PDB file of N, CA and C in Angstrom:
ATOM      1  N   MET A   1     132.026 121.766  89.914  1.00  0.00           N
ATOM      2  CA  MET A   1     130.876 121.410  90.720  1.00  0.00           C
ATOM      3  C   MET A   1     129.607 121.725  89.927  1.00  0.00           C
ATOM      4  N   ILE A   2     128.652 120.839  90.040  1.00  0.00           N
ATOM      5  CA  ILE A   2     127.369 121.010  89.370  1.00  0.00           C
ATOM      6  C   ILE A   2     126.303 121.251  90.439  1.00  0.00           C
ATOM      7  N   GLU A   3     125.507 122.283  90.240  1.00  0.00           N
ATOM      8  CA  GLU A   3     124.370 122.553  91.123  1.00  0.00           C
ATOM      9  C   GLU A   3     123.155 121.818  90.573  1.00  0.00           C
ATOM     10  N   LEU A   4     122.562 120.982  91.393  1.00  0.00           N
ATOM     11  CA  LEU A   4     121.338 120.278  91.037  1.00  0.00           C
ATOM     12  C   LEU A   4     120.200 120.837  91.884  1.00  0.00           C
ATOM     13  N   SER A   5     118.977 120.473  91.551  1.00  0.00           N
ATOM     14  CA  SER A   5     117.848 120.966  92.343  1.00  0.00           C
ATOM     15  C   SER A   5     117.870 120.416  93.769  1.00  0.00           C
ATOM     16  N   VAL A   6     118.527 119.264  93.967  1.00  0.00           N
ATOM     17  CA  VAL A   6     118.540 118.616  95.278  1.00  0.00           C
ATOM     18  C   VAL A   6     119.845 118.784  96.047  1.00  0.00           C
ATOM     19  N   GLY A   7     120.882 119.307  95.389  1.00  0.00           N
ATOM     20  CA  GLY A   7     122.172 119.450  96.051  1.00  0.00           C
ATOM     21  C   GLY A   7     123.277 119.711  95.054  1.00  0.00           C
ATOM     22  N   THR A   8     124.501 119.338  95.423  1.00  0.00           N
ATOM     23  CA  THR A   8     125.646 119.548  94.541  1.00  0.00           C
ATOM     24  C   THR A   8     126.291 118.212  94.199  1.00  0.00           C
ATOM     25  N   LEU A   9     126.990 118.227  93.075  1.00  0.00           N
ATOM     26  CA  LEU A   9     127.669 117.033  92.587  1.00  0.00           C
ATOM     27  C   LEU A   9     129.000 117.477  92.012  1.00  0.00           C
ATOM     28  N   HIS A  10     130.067 116.774  92.378  1.00  0.00           N
ATOM     29  CA  HIS A  10     131.348 117.025  91.727  1.00  0.00           C
ATOM     30  C   HIS A  10     132.038 115.694  91.463  1.00  0.00           C
ATOM     31  N   PHE A  11     133.054 115.747  90.637  1.00  0.00           N
ATOM     32  CA  PHE A  11     133.678 114.535  90.141  1.00  0.00           C
ATOM     33  C   PHE A  11     135.165 114.530  90.455  1.00  0.00           C
ATOM     34  N   GLU A  12     135.644 113.405  90.966  1.00  0.00           N
ATOM     35  CA  GLU A  12     137.071 113.171  91.199  1.00  0.00           C
ATOM     36  C   GLU A  12     137.407 111.863  90.501  1.00  0.00           C
ATOM     37  N   GLY A  13     138.018 111.958  89.343  1.00  0.00           N
ATOM     38  CA  GLY A  13     138.305 110.744  88.586  1.00  0.00           C
ATOM     39  C   GLY A  13     137.020 110.008  88.275  1.00  0.00           C
ATOM     40  N   GLN A  14     136.972 108.739  88.608  1.00  0.00           N
ATOM     41  CA  GLN A  14     135.793 107.918  88.315  1.00  0.00           C
ATOM     42  C   GLN A  14     134.806 107.880  89.478  1.00  0.00           C
ATOM     43  N   ILE A  15     134.896 108.866  90.357  1.00  0.00           N
ATOM     44  CA  ILE A  15     133.994 108.920  91.505  1.00  0.00           C
ATOM     45  C   ILE A  15     133.184 110.211  91.468  1.00  0.00           C
ATOM     46  N   ALA A  16     131.862 110.051  91.506  1.00  0.00           N
ATOM     47  CA  ALA A  16     130.947 111.182  91.614  1.00  0.00           C
ATOM     48  C   ALA A  16     130.636 111.362  93.100  1.00  0.00           C
ATOM     49  N   ILE A  17     130.694 112.601  93.569  1.00  0.00           N
ATOM     50  CA  ILE A  17     130.484 112.883  94.983  1.00  0.00           C
ATOM     51  C   ILE A  17     129.314 113.847  95.109  1.00  0.00           C
ATOM     52  N   GLY A  18     128.289 113.402  95.817  1.00  0.00           N
ATOM     53  CA  GLY A  18     127.091 114.213  95.970  1.00  0.00           C
ATOM     54  C   GLY A  18     126.865 114.632  97.404  1.00  0.00           C
ATOM     55  N   LYS A  19     126.406 115.852  97.569  1.00  0.00           N
ATOM     56  CA  LYS A  19     126.011 116.358  98.882  1.00  0.00           C
ATOM     57  C   LYS A  19     124.651 117.023  98.705  1.00  0.00           C
ATOM     58  N   MET A  20     123.646 116.447  99.328  1.00  0.00           N
ATOM     59  CA  MET A  20     122.282 116.918  99.151  1.00  0.00           C
ATOM     60  C   MET A  20     121.930 118.002 100.169  1.00  0.00           C
ATOM     61  N   ARG A  21     120.954 118.806  99.787  1.00  0.00           N
ATOM     62  CA  ARG A  21     120.471 119.869 100.667  1.00  0.00           C
ATOM     63  C   ARG A  21     119.703 119.259 101.845  1.00  0.00           C
ATOM     64  N   PRO A  22     119.650 119.971 102.971  1.00  0.00           N
ATOM     65  CA  PRO A  22     118.895 119.447 104.116  1.00  0.00           C
ATOM     66  C   PRO A  22     117.398 119.387 103.837  1.00  0.00           C
ATOM     67  N   GLU A  23     116.776 118.425 104.466  1.00  0.00           N
ATOM     68  CA  GLU A  23     115.315 118.284 104.485  1.00  0.00           C
ATOM     69  C   GLU A  23     114.672 118.025 103.124  1.00  0.00           C
ATOM     70  N   ILE A  24     115.435 117.545 102.154  1.00  0.00           N
ATOM     71  CA  ILE A  24     114.839 117.215 100.865  1.00  0.00           C
ATOM     72  C   ILE A  24     114.489 115.731 100.855  1.00  0.00           C
ATOM     73  N   SER A  25     113.846 115.318  99.789  1.00  0.00           N
ATOM     74  CA  SER A  25     113.489 113.913  99.637  1.00  0.00           C
ATOM     75  C   SER A  25     114.060 113.416  98.318  1.00  0.00           C
ATOM     76  N   ILE A  26     114.853 112.355  98.389  1.00  0.00           N
ATOM     77  CA  ILE A  26     115.404 111.765  97.173  1.00  0.00           C
ATOM     78  C   ILE A  26     114.423 110.705  96.697  1.00  0.00           C
ATOM     79  N   ASP A  27     113.682 111.071  95.666  1.00  0.00           N
ATOM     80  CA  ASP A  27     112.723 110.154  95.060  1.00  0.00           C
ATOM     81  C   ASP A  27     113.233 109.772  93.673  1.00  0.00           C
ATOM     82  N   GLU A  28     112.402 109.112  92.889  1.00  0.00           N
ATOM     83  CA  GLU A  28     112.813 108.652  91.557  1.00  0.00           C
ATOM     84  C   GLU A  28     113.263 109.817  90.670  1.00  0.00           C
ATOM     85  N   SER A  29     112.555 110.923  90.741  1.00  0.00           N
ATOM     86  CA  SER A  29     112.886 112.090  89.921  1.00  0.00           C
ATOM     87  C   SER A  29     114.245 112.686  90.314  1.00  0.00           C
ATOM     88  N   ALA A  30     114.497 112.815  91.609  1.00  0.00           N
ATOM     89  CA  ALA A  30     115.785 113.343  92.084  1.00  0.00           C
ATOM     90  C   ALA A  30     116.919 112.392  91.721  1.00  0.00           C
ATOM     91  N   ALA A  31     116.687 111.097  91.889  1.00  0.00           N
ATOM     92  CA  ALA A  31     117.710 110.100  91.542  1.00  0.00           C
ATOM     93  C   ALA A  31     118.035 110.168  90.058  1.00  0.00           C
ATOM     94  N   GLN A  32     117.020 110.366  89.238  1.00  0.00           N
ATOM     95  CA  GLN A  32     117.233 110.464  87.793  1.00  0.00           C
ATOM     96  C   GLN A  32     118.055 111.705  87.443  1.00  0.00           C
ATOM     97  N   GLU A  33     117.800 112.812  88.127  1.00  0.00           N
ATOM     98  CA  GLU A  33     118.576 114.035  87.888  1.00  0.00           C
ATOM     99  C   GLU A  33     120.059 113.808  88.205  1.00  0.00           C
ATOM    100  N   ILE A  34     120.337 113.148  89.324  1.00  0.00           N
ATOM    101  CA  ILE A  34     121.723 112.854  89.707  1.00  0.00           C
ATOM    102  C   ILE A  34     122.348 111.898  88.693  1.00  0.00           C
ATOM    103  N   TYR A  35     121.614 110.848  88.347  1.00  0.00           N
ATOM    104  CA  TYR A  35     122.130 109.857  87.396  1.00  0.00           C
ATOM    105  C   TYR A  35     122.441 110.495  86.038  1.00  0.00           C
ATOM    106  N   GLU A  36     121.547 111.337  85.538  1.00  0.00           N
ATOM    107  CA  GLU A  36     121.764 111.979  84.234  1.00  0.00           C
ATOM    108  C   GLU A  36     123.008 112.872  84.250  1.00  0.00           C
ATOM    109  N   ALA A  37     123.253 113.563  85.361  1.00  0.00           N
ATOM    110  CA  ALA A  37     124.468 114.383  85.470  1.00  0.00           C
ATOM    111  C   ALA A  37     125.710 113.493  85.427  1.00  0.00           C
ATOM    112  N   CYS A  38     125.637 112.334  86.061  1.00  0.00           N
ATOM    113  CA  CYS A  38     126.768 111.391  86.041  1.00  0.00           C
ATOM    114  C   CYS A  38     126.989 110.831  84.641  1.00  0.00           C
ATOM    115  N   VAL A  39     125.921 110.477  83.960  1.00  0.00           N
ATOM    116  CA  VAL A  39     126.038 109.935  82.598  1.00  0.00           C
ATOM    117  C   VAL A  39     126.608 110.988  81.656  1.00  0.00           C
ATOM    118  N   GLN A  40     126.183 112.228  81.823  1.00  0.00           N
ATOM    119  CA  GLN A  40     126.708 113.301  80.980  1.00  0.00           C
ATOM    120  C   GLN A  40     128.219 113.444  81.186  1.00  0.00           C
ATOM    121  N   HIS A  41     128.667 113.259  82.414  1.00  0.00           N
ATOM    122  CA  HIS A  41     130.099 113.391  82.711  1.00  0.00           C
ATOM    123  C   HIS A  41     130.890 112.147  82.298  1.00  0.00           C
ATOM    124  N   TYR A  42     130.398 110.969  82.661  1.00  0.00           N
ATOM    125  CA  TYR A  42     131.164 109.736  82.456  1.00  0.00           C
ATOM    126  C   TYR A  42     130.868 109.012  81.147  1.00  0.00           C
ATOM    127  N   ARG A  43     129.769 109.379  80.492  1.00  0.00           N
ATOM    128  CA  ARG A  43     129.347 108.678  79.267  1.00  0.00           C
ATOM    129  C   ARG A  43     129.173 107.197  79.580  1.00  0.00           C
ATOM    130  N   ASP A  44     129.948 106.323  78.939  1.00  0.00           N
ATOM    131  CA  ASP A  44     129.821 104.878  79.159  1.00  0.00           C
ATOM    132  C   ASP A  44     130.858 104.321  80.124  1.00  0.00           C
ATOM    133  N   GLU A  45     131.661 105.182  80.723  1.00  0.00           N
ATOM    134  CA  GLU A  45     132.708 104.735  81.643  1.00  0.00           C
ATOM    135  C   GLU A  45     132.099 104.345  82.992  1.00  0.00           C
ATOM    136  N   PRO A  46     132.656 103.331  83.640  1.00  0.00           N
ATOM    137  CA  PRO A  46     132.153 102.966  84.969  1.00  0.00           C
ATOM    138  C   PRO A  46     132.508 104.035  86.003  1.00  0.00           C
ATOM    139  N   TYR A  47     131.646 104.193  86.975  1.00  0.00           N
ATOM    140  CA  TYR A  47     131.896 105.148  88.052  1.00  0.00           C
ATOM    141  C   TYR A  47     131.232 104.658  89.336  1.00  0.00           C
ATOM    142  N   ALA A  48     131.700 105.199  90.442  1.00  0.00           N
ATOM    143  CA  ALA A  48     131.088 104.961  91.747  1.00  0.00           C
ATOM    144  C   ALA A  48     130.528 106.294  92.239  1.00  0.00           C
ATOM    145  N   TYR A  49     129.522 106.210  93.078  1.00  0.00           N
ATOM    146  CA  TYR A  49     128.894 107.403  93.635  1.00  0.00           C
ATOM    147  C   TYR A  49     129.084 107.384  95.149  1.00  0.00           C
ATOM    148  N   ILE A  50     129.555 108.499  95.688  1.00  0.00           N
ATOM    149  CA  ILE A  50     129.679 108.652  97.139  1.00  0.00           C
ATOM    150  C   ILE A  50     128.743 109.767  97.580  1.00  0.00           C
ATOM    151  N   SER A  51     127.852 109.429  98.499  1.00  0.00           N
ATOM    152  CA  SER A  51     126.923 110.396  99.062  1.00  0.00           C
ATOM    153  C   SER A  51     127.472 110.874 100.403  1.00  0.00           C
ATOM    154  N   ILE A  52     127.725 112.176 100.505  1.00  0.00           N
ATOM    155  CA  ILE A  52     128.177 112.777 101.763  1.00  0.00           C
ATOM    156  C   ILE A  52     126.923 113.224 102.507  1.00  0.00           C
ATOM    157  N   ARG A  53     126.533 112.483 103.510  1.00  0.00           N
ATOM    158  CA  ARG A  53     125.277 112.762 104.211  1.00  0.00           C
ATOM    159  C   ARG A  53     125.517 113.552 105.492  1.00  0.00           C
ATOM    160  N   ASP A  54     125.952 114.792 105.303  1.00  0.00           N
ATOM    161  CA  ASP A  54     126.110 115.705 106.438  1.00  0.00           C
ATOM    162  C   ASP A  54     124.765 116.289 106.844  1.00  0.00           C
ATOM    163  N   ASN A  55     123.855 116.386 105.887  1.00  0.00           N
ATOM    164  CA  ASN A  55     122.546 116.975 106.127  1.00  0.00           C
ATOM    165  C   ASN A  55     121.499 115.879 106.290  1.00  0.00           C
ATOM    166  N   SER A  56     120.441 116.213 106.996  1.00  0.00           N
ATOM    167  CA  SER A  56     119.343 115.275 107.193  1.00  0.00           C
ATOM    168  C   SER A  56     118.375 115.379 106.018  1.00  0.00           C
ATOM    169  N   TYR A  57     118.142 114.255 105.350  1.00  0.00           N
ATOM    170  CA  TYR A  57     117.170 114.199 104.264  1.00  0.00           C
ATOM    171  C   TYR A  57     116.712 112.766 104.107  1.00  0.00           C
ATOM    172  N   SER A  58     115.624 112.577 103.382  1.00  0.00           N
ATOM    173  CA  SER A  58     115.082 111.225 103.235  1.00  0.00           C
ATOM    174  C   SER A  58     115.394 110.663 101.857  1.00  0.00           C
ATOM    175  N   VAL A  59     115.515 109.342 101.816  1.00  0.00           N
ATOM    176  CA  VAL A  59     115.770 108.628 100.569  1.00  0.00           C
ATOM    177  C   VAL A  59     114.734 107.524 100.452  1.00  0.00           C
ATOM    178  N   ASN A  60     114.038 107.488  99.330  1.00  0.00           N
ATOM    179  CA  ASN A  60     113.126 106.380  99.055  1.00  0.00           C
ATOM    180  C   ASN A  60     113.983 105.214  98.579  1.00  0.00           C
ATOM    181  N   PRO A  61     114.101 104.140  99.353  1.00  0.00           N
ATOM    182  CA  PRO A  61     115.004 103.049  98.967  1.00  0.00           C
ATOM    183  C   PRO A  61     114.620 102.362  97.658  1.00  0.00           C
ATOM    184  N   LEU A  62     113.400 102.534  97.211  1.00  0.00           N
ATOM    185  CA  LEU A  62     112.974 101.908  95.953  1.00  0.00           C
ATOM    186  C   LEU A  62     113.701 102.480  94.742  1.00  0.00           C
ATOM    187  N   ILE A  63     114.315 103.656  94.881  1.00  0.00           N
ATOM    188  CA  ILE A  63     115.064 104.227  93.752  1.00  0.00           C
ATOM    189  C   ILE A  63     116.209 103.322  93.340  1.00  0.00           C
ATOM    190  N   TYR A  64     116.710 102.532  94.293  1.00  0.00           N
ATOM    191  CA  TYR A  64     117.871 101.692  94.007  1.00  0.00           C
ATOM    192  C   TYR A  64     117.552 100.510  93.101  1.00  0.00           C
ATOM    193  N   ILE A  65     116.303 100.149  92.984  1.00  0.00           N
ATOM    194  CA  ILE A  65     115.932  99.048  92.084  1.00  0.00           C
ATOM    195  C   ILE A  65     116.320  99.408  90.657  1.00  0.00           C
ATOM    196  N   ASN A  66     115.922 100.593  90.195  1.00  0.00           N
ATOM    197  CA  ASN A  66     116.273 101.032  88.840  1.00  0.00           C
ATOM    198  C   ASN A  66     117.752 101.369  88.716  1.00  0.00           C
ATOM    199  N   LEU A  67     118.323 101.990  89.741  1.00  0.00           N
ATOM    200  CA  LEU A  67     119.736 102.351  89.669  1.00  0.00           C
ATOM    201  C   LEU A  67     120.627 101.116  89.565  1.00  0.00           C
ATOM    202  N   SER A  68     120.199 100.012  90.152  1.00  0.00           N
ATOM    203  CA  SER A  68     120.974  98.763  90.061  1.00  0.00           C
ATOM    204  C   SER A  68     121.107  98.272  88.631  1.00  0.00           C
ATOM    205  N   LYS A  69     120.179  98.659  87.792  1.00  0.00           N
ATOM    206  CA  LYS A  69     120.165  98.195  86.396  1.00  0.00           C
ATOM    207  C   LYS A  69     121.061  99.036  85.490  1.00  0.00           C
ATOM    208  N   LYS A  70     121.584 100.129  85.991  1.00  0.00           N
ATOM    209  CA  LYS A  70     122.429 101.011  85.185  1.00  0.00           C
ATOM    210  C   LYS A  70     123.819 100.395  85.059  1.00  0.00           C
ATOM    211  N   LYS A  71     124.197 100.075  83.834  1.00  0.00           N
ATOM    212  CA  LYS A  71     125.417  99.308  83.581  1.00  0.00           C
ATOM    213  C   LYS A  71     126.681  99.975  84.126  1.00  0.00           C
ATOM    214  N   ASN A  72     126.839 101.254  83.900  1.00  0.00           N
ATOM    215  CA  ASN A  72     128.093 101.909  84.277  1.00  0.00           C
ATOM    216  C   ASN A  72     128.128 102.404  85.727  1.00  0.00           C
ATOM    217  N   PHE A  73     127.013 102.298  86.437  1.00  0.00           N
ATOM    218  CA  PHE A  73     126.955 102.683  87.849  1.00  0.00           C
ATOM    219  C   PHE A  73     127.418 101.478  88.665  1.00  0.00           C
ATOM    220  N   SER A  74     128.680 101.497  89.096  1.00  0.00           N
ATOM    221  CA  SER A  74     129.331 100.304  89.644  1.00  0.00           C
ATOM    222  C   SER A  74     129.169 100.086  91.138  1.00  0.00           C
ATOM    223  N   ALA A  75     129.128 101.164  91.912  1.00  0.00           N
ATOM    224  CA  ALA A  75     129.096 101.020  93.368  1.00  0.00           C
ATOM    225  C   ALA A  75     128.615 102.312  94.006  1.00  0.00           C
ATOM    226  N   MET A  76     128.145 102.177  95.245  1.00  0.00           N
ATOM    227  CA  MET A  76     127.695 103.349  95.984  1.00  0.00           C
ATOM    228  C   MET A  76     128.202 103.273  97.415  1.00  0.00           C
ATOM    229  N   ALA A  77     128.682 104.405  97.899  1.00  0.00           N
ATOM    230  CA  ALA A  77     129.110 104.527  99.293  1.00  0.00           C
ATOM    231  C   ALA A  77     128.393 105.721  99.914  1.00  0.00           C
ATOM    232  N   VAL A  78     128.145 105.616 101.204  1.00  0.00           N
ATOM    233  CA  VAL A  78     127.538 106.705 101.954  1.00  0.00           C
ATOM    234  C   VAL A  78     128.477 107.051 103.101  1.00  0.00           C
ATOM    235  N   VAL A  79     128.767 108.340 103.243  1.00  0.00           N
ATOM    236  CA  VAL A  79     129.587 108.809 104.356  1.00  0.00           C
ATOM    237  C   VAL A  79     128.656 109.502 105.340  1.00  0.00           C
ATOM    238  N   THR A  80     128.578 108.940 106.539  1.00  0.00           N
ATOM    239  CA  THR A  80     127.710 109.500 107.573  1.00  0.00           C
ATOM    240  C   THR A  80     128.288 109.208 108.950  1.00  0.00           C
ATOM    241  N   GLN A  81     128.089 110.125 109.859  1.00  0.00           N
ATOM    242  CA  GLN A  81     128.496 109.934 111.254  1.00  0.00           C
ATOM    243  C   GLN A  81     127.317 109.481 112.109  1.00  0.00           C
ATOM    244  N   SER A  82     126.138 109.556 111.547  1.00  0.00           N
ATOM    245  CA  SER A  82     124.911 109.307 112.288  1.00  0.00           C
ATOM    246  C   SER A  82     124.583 107.813 112.391  1.00  0.00           C
ATOM    247  N   PRO A  83     124.308 107.319 113.597  1.00  0.00           N
ATOM    248  CA  PRO A  83     123.869 105.925 113.725  1.00  0.00           C
ATOM    249  C   PRO A  83     122.580 105.662 112.937  1.00  0.00           C
ATOM    250  N   LEU A  84     121.684 106.649 112.911  1.00  0.00           N
ATOM    251  CA  LEU A  84     120.461 106.506 112.122  1.00  0.00           C
ATOM    252  C   LEU A  84     120.794 106.426 110.637  1.00  0.00           C
ATOM    253  N   GLY A  85     121.765 107.213 110.192  1.00  0.00           N
ATOM    254  CA  GLY A  85     122.196 107.169 108.797  1.00  0.00           C
ATOM    255  C   GLY A  85     122.759 105.817 108.420  1.00  0.00           C
ATOM    256  N   ILE A  86     123.533 105.232 109.314  1.00  0.00           N
ATOM    257  CA  ILE A  86     124.098 103.905 109.059  1.00  0.00           C
ATOM    258  C   ILE A  86     122.985 102.866 108.998  1.00  0.00           C
ATOM    259  N   SER A  87     121.993 102.982 109.880  1.00  0.00           N
ATOM    260  CA  SER A  87     120.841 102.070 109.841  1.00  0.00           C
ATOM    261  C   SER A  87     120.072 102.214 108.537  1.00  0.00           C
ATOM    262  N   SER A  88     119.927 103.446 108.068  1.00  0.00           N
ATOM    263  CA  SER A  88     119.226 103.684 106.798  1.00  0.00           C
ATOM    264  C   SER A  88     119.937 102.994 105.646  1.00  0.00           C
ATOM    265  N   VAL A  89     121.258 103.042 105.652  1.00  0.00           N
ATOM    266  CA  VAL A  89     122.035 102.395 104.587  1.00  0.00           C
ATOM    267  C   VAL A  89     121.784 100.891 104.592  1.00  0.00           C
ATOM    268  N   GLN A  90     121.639 100.304 105.775  1.00  0.00           N
ATOM    269  CA  GLN A  90     121.376  98.863 105.846  1.00  0.00           C
ATOM    270  C   GLN A  90     120.070  98.510 105.138  1.00  0.00           C
ATOM    271  N   ILE A  91     119.095  99.378 105.212  1.00  0.00           N
ATOM    272  CA  ILE A  91     117.823  99.157 104.506  1.00  0.00           C
ATOM    273  C   ILE A  91     117.992  99.445 103.017  1.00  0.00           C
ATOM    274  N   GLU A  92     118.611 100.572 102.691  1.00  0.00           N
ATOM    275  CA  GLU A  92     118.780 100.969 101.288  1.00  0.00           C
ATOM    276  C   GLU A  92     119.532  99.915 100.487  1.00  0.00           C
ATOM    277  N   ARG A  93     120.556  99.331 101.079  1.00  0.00           N
ATOM    278  CA  ARG A  93     121.388  98.384 100.333  1.00  0.00           C
ATOM    279  C   ARG A  93     120.642  97.114  99.935  1.00  0.00           C
ATOM    280  N   ILE A  94     119.537  96.820 100.592  1.00  0.00           N
ATOM    281  CA  ILE A  94     118.719  95.664 100.213  1.00  0.00           C
ATOM    282  C   ILE A  94     118.226  95.820  98.779  1.00  0.00           C
ATOM    283  N   PHE A  95     117.980  97.053  98.363  1.00  0.00           N
ATOM    284  CA  PHE A  95     117.395  97.324  97.052  1.00  0.00           C
ATOM    285  C   PHE A  95     118.429  97.555  95.953  1.00  0.00           C
ATOM    286  N   PHE A  96     119.677  97.757  96.333  1.00  0.00           N
ATOM    287  CA  PHE A  96     120.739  98.039  95.359  1.00  0.00           C
ATOM    288  C   PHE A  96     121.578  96.784  95.201  1.00  0.00           C
ATOM    289  N   LYS A  97     121.538  96.189  94.043  1.00  0.00           N
ATOM    290  CA  LYS A  97     122.151  94.877  93.822  1.00  0.00           C
ATOM    291  C   LYS A  97     123.611  94.946  93.389  1.00  0.00           C
ATOM    292  N   LYS A  98     124.271  96.004  93.754  1.00  0.00           N
ATOM    293  CA  LYS A  98     125.698  96.187  93.480  1.00  0.00           C
ATOM    294  C   LYS A  98     126.367  96.570  94.794  1.00  0.00           C
ATOM    295  N   PRO A  99     127.688  96.661  94.840  1.00  0.00           N
ATOM    296  CA  PRO A  99     128.345  97.030  96.097  1.00  0.00           C
ATOM    297  C   PRO A  99     127.820  98.359  96.661  1.00  0.00           C
ATOM    298  N   PHE A 100     127.489  98.343  97.948  1.00  0.00           N
ATOM    299  CA  PHE A 100     126.898  99.497  98.625  1.00  0.00           C
ATOM    300  C   PHE A 100     127.329  99.409 100.090  1.00  0.00           C
ATOM    301  N   LYS A 101     127.976 100.454 100.581  1.00  0.00           N
ATOM    302  CA  LYS A 101     128.521 100.383 101.931  1.00  0.00           C
ATOM    303  C   LYS A 101     128.528 101.756 102.591  1.00  0.00           C
ATOM    304  N   ALA A 102     128.394 101.765 103.917  1.00  0.00           N
ATOM    305  CA  ALA A 102     128.462 103.002 104.703  1.00  0.00           C
ATOM    306  C   ALA A 102     129.847 103.150 105.320  1.00  0.00           C
ATOM    307  N   PHE A 103     130.295 104.396 105.409  1.00  0.00           N
ATOM    308  CA  PHE A 103     131.597 104.709 105.994  1.00  0.00           C
ATOM    309  C   PHE A 103     131.460 105.925 106.891  1.00  0.00           C
ATOM    310  N   LYS A 104     132.379 106.044 107.836  1.00  0.00           N
ATOM    311  CA  LYS A 104     132.374 107.210 108.720  1.00  0.00           C
ATOM    312  C   LYS A 104     133.250 108.334 108.196  1.00  0.00           C
ATOM    313  N   ASN A 105     134.116 108.037 107.200  1.00  0.00           N
ATOM    314  CA  ASN A 105     134.914 109.121 106.629  1.00  0.00           C
ATOM    315  C   ASN A 105     135.085 108.939 105.119  1.00  0.00           C
ATOM    316  N   PHE A 106     135.339 110.058 104.473  1.00  0.00           N
ATOM    317  CA  PHE A 106     135.409 110.087 103.018  1.00  0.00           C
ATOM    318  C   PHE A 106     136.572 109.263 102.474  1.00  0.00           C
ATOM    319  N   THR A 107     137.719 109.322 103.121  1.00  0.00           N
ATOM    320  CA  THR A 107     138.896 108.618 102.612  1.00  0.00           C
ATOM    321  C   THR A 107     138.640 107.118 102.508  1.00  0.00           C
ATOM    322  N   GLU A 108     138.038 106.537 103.531  1.00  0.00           N
ATOM    323  CA  GLU A 108     137.713 105.107 103.486  1.00  0.00           C
ATOM    324  C   GLU A 108     136.716 104.807 102.375  1.00  0.00           C
ATOM    325  N   ALA A 109     135.722 105.657 102.217  1.00  0.00           N
ATOM    326  CA  ALA A 109     134.721 105.463 101.161  1.00  0.00           C
ATOM    327  C   ALA A 109     135.372 105.536  99.783  1.00  0.00           C
ATOM    328  N   ARG A 110     136.232 106.524  99.581  1.00  0.00           N
ATOM    329  CA  ARG A 110     136.911 106.681  98.294  1.00  0.00           C
ATOM    330  C   ARG A 110     137.811 105.486  97.997  1.00  0.00           C
ATOM    331  N   ASP A 111     138.580 105.052  98.983  1.00  0.00           N
ATOM    332  CA  ASP A 111     139.479 103.910  98.778  1.00  0.00           C
ATOM    333  C   ASP A 111     138.695 102.648  98.424  1.00  0.00           C
ATOM    334  N   TRP A 112     137.596 102.420  99.110  1.00  0.00           N
ATOM    335  CA  TRP A 112     136.740 101.261  98.824  1.00  0.00           C
ATOM    336  C   TRP A 112     136.173 101.350  97.408  1.00  0.00           C
ATOM    337  N   ALA A 113     135.661 102.513  97.037  1.00  0.00           N
ATOM    338  CA  ALA A 113     135.084 102.699  95.699  1.00  0.00           C
ATOM    339  C   ALA A 113     136.135 102.460  94.620  1.00  0.00           C
ATOM    340  N   LEU A 114     137.338 102.963  94.837  1.00  0.00           N
ATOM    341  CA  LEU A 114     138.412 102.745  93.859  1.00  0.00           C
ATOM    342  C   LEU A 114     138.752 101.264  93.727  1.00  0.00           C
ATOM    343  N   GLU A 115     138.754 100.538  94.840  1.00  0.00           N
ATOM    344  CA  GLU A 115     138.996  99.090  94.785  1.00  0.00           C
ATOM    345  C   GLU A 115     137.938  98.391  93.938  1.00  0.00           C
ATOM    346  N   ILE A 116     136.690  98.767  94.117  1.00  0.00           N
ATOM    347  CA  ILE A 116     135.594  98.174  93.337  1.00  0.00           C
ATOM    348  C   ILE A 116     135.806  98.458  91.852  1.00  0.00           C
ATOM    349  N   LEU A 117     136.123  99.703  91.518  1.00  0.00           N
ATOM    350  CA  LEU A 117     136.317 100.082  90.115  1.00  0.00           C
ATOM    351  C   LEU A 117     137.517  99.368  89.499  1.00  0.00           C
ATOM    352  N   ILE A 118     138.605  99.262  90.235  1.00  0.00           N
ATOM    353  CA  ILE A 118     139.793  98.562  89.727  1.00  0.00           C
ATOM    354  C   ILE A 118     139.473  97.094  89.483  1.00  0.00           C
ATOM    355  N   GLU A 119     138.778  96.478  90.419  1.00  0.00           N
ATOM    356  CA  GLU A 119     138.400  95.064  90.268  1.00  0.00           C
ATOM    357  C   GLU A 119     137.498  94.878  89.047  1.00  0.00           C
ATOM    358  N   GLU A 120     136.590  95.806  88.853  1.00  0.00           N
ATOM    359  CA  GLU A 120     135.689  95.734  87.701  1.00  0.00           C
ATOM    360  C   GLU A 120     136.475  95.830  86.392  1.00  0.00           C
ATOM    361  N   LEU A 121     137.455  96.719  86.349  1.00  0.00           N
ATOM    362  CA  LEU A 121     138.283  96.857  85.147  1.00  0.00           C
ATOM    363  C   LEU A 121     139.110  95.602  84.891  1.00  0.00           C
ATOM    364  N   LYS A 122     139.631  94.995  85.957  1.00  0.00           N
ATOM    365  CA  LYS A 122     140.400  93.753  85.818  1.00  0.00           C
ATOM    366  C   LYS A 122     139.545  92.632  85.235  1.00  0.00           C
ATOM    367  N   ASN A 123     138.288  92.601  85.652  1.00  0.00           N
ATOM    368  CA  ASN A 123     137.381  91.543  85.202  1.00  0.00           C
ATOM    369  C   ASN A 123     136.731  91.858  83.864  1.00  0.00           C
ATOM    370  N   GLY A 124     137.070  93.010  83.307  1.00  0.00           N
ATOM    371  CA  GLY A 124     136.548  93.374  81.991  1.00  0.00           C
ATOM    372  C   GLY A 124     135.089  93.744  81.967  1.00  0.00           C
ATOM    373  N   ALA A 125     134.557  94.164  83.099  1.00  0.00           N
ATOM    374  CA  ALA A 125     133.133  94.525  83.148  1.00  0.00           C
ATOM    375  C   ALA A 125     132.889  95.874  82.525  1.00  0.00           C
TER     376      ALA A 125
END
């Protein structure tokens, strides 16, 4: 597990799993910190990111414009039980031009992310 200024990050195979601290704001700087930790771990390998949103915090959806351009960042999933959290994902995904989906449990999110990664490998991306 890696401690970041905004939360924690750990890795399971080709999936990075982040859990942010309550009441923080994910802006361009925070997104870059998370991305750099993923690049350090995965190098040029494709990976998916799963955000476990148990805590309440804000995300600037504009961060996804730059993250969409990152070649090895293949997909993003958000795990949340909150109806507001699911609504937020609907807005955030407008800015992320790669697969992005909300789930109510981690297992579904992980299975979906693995499907995306397997498909990407099959297509030689």
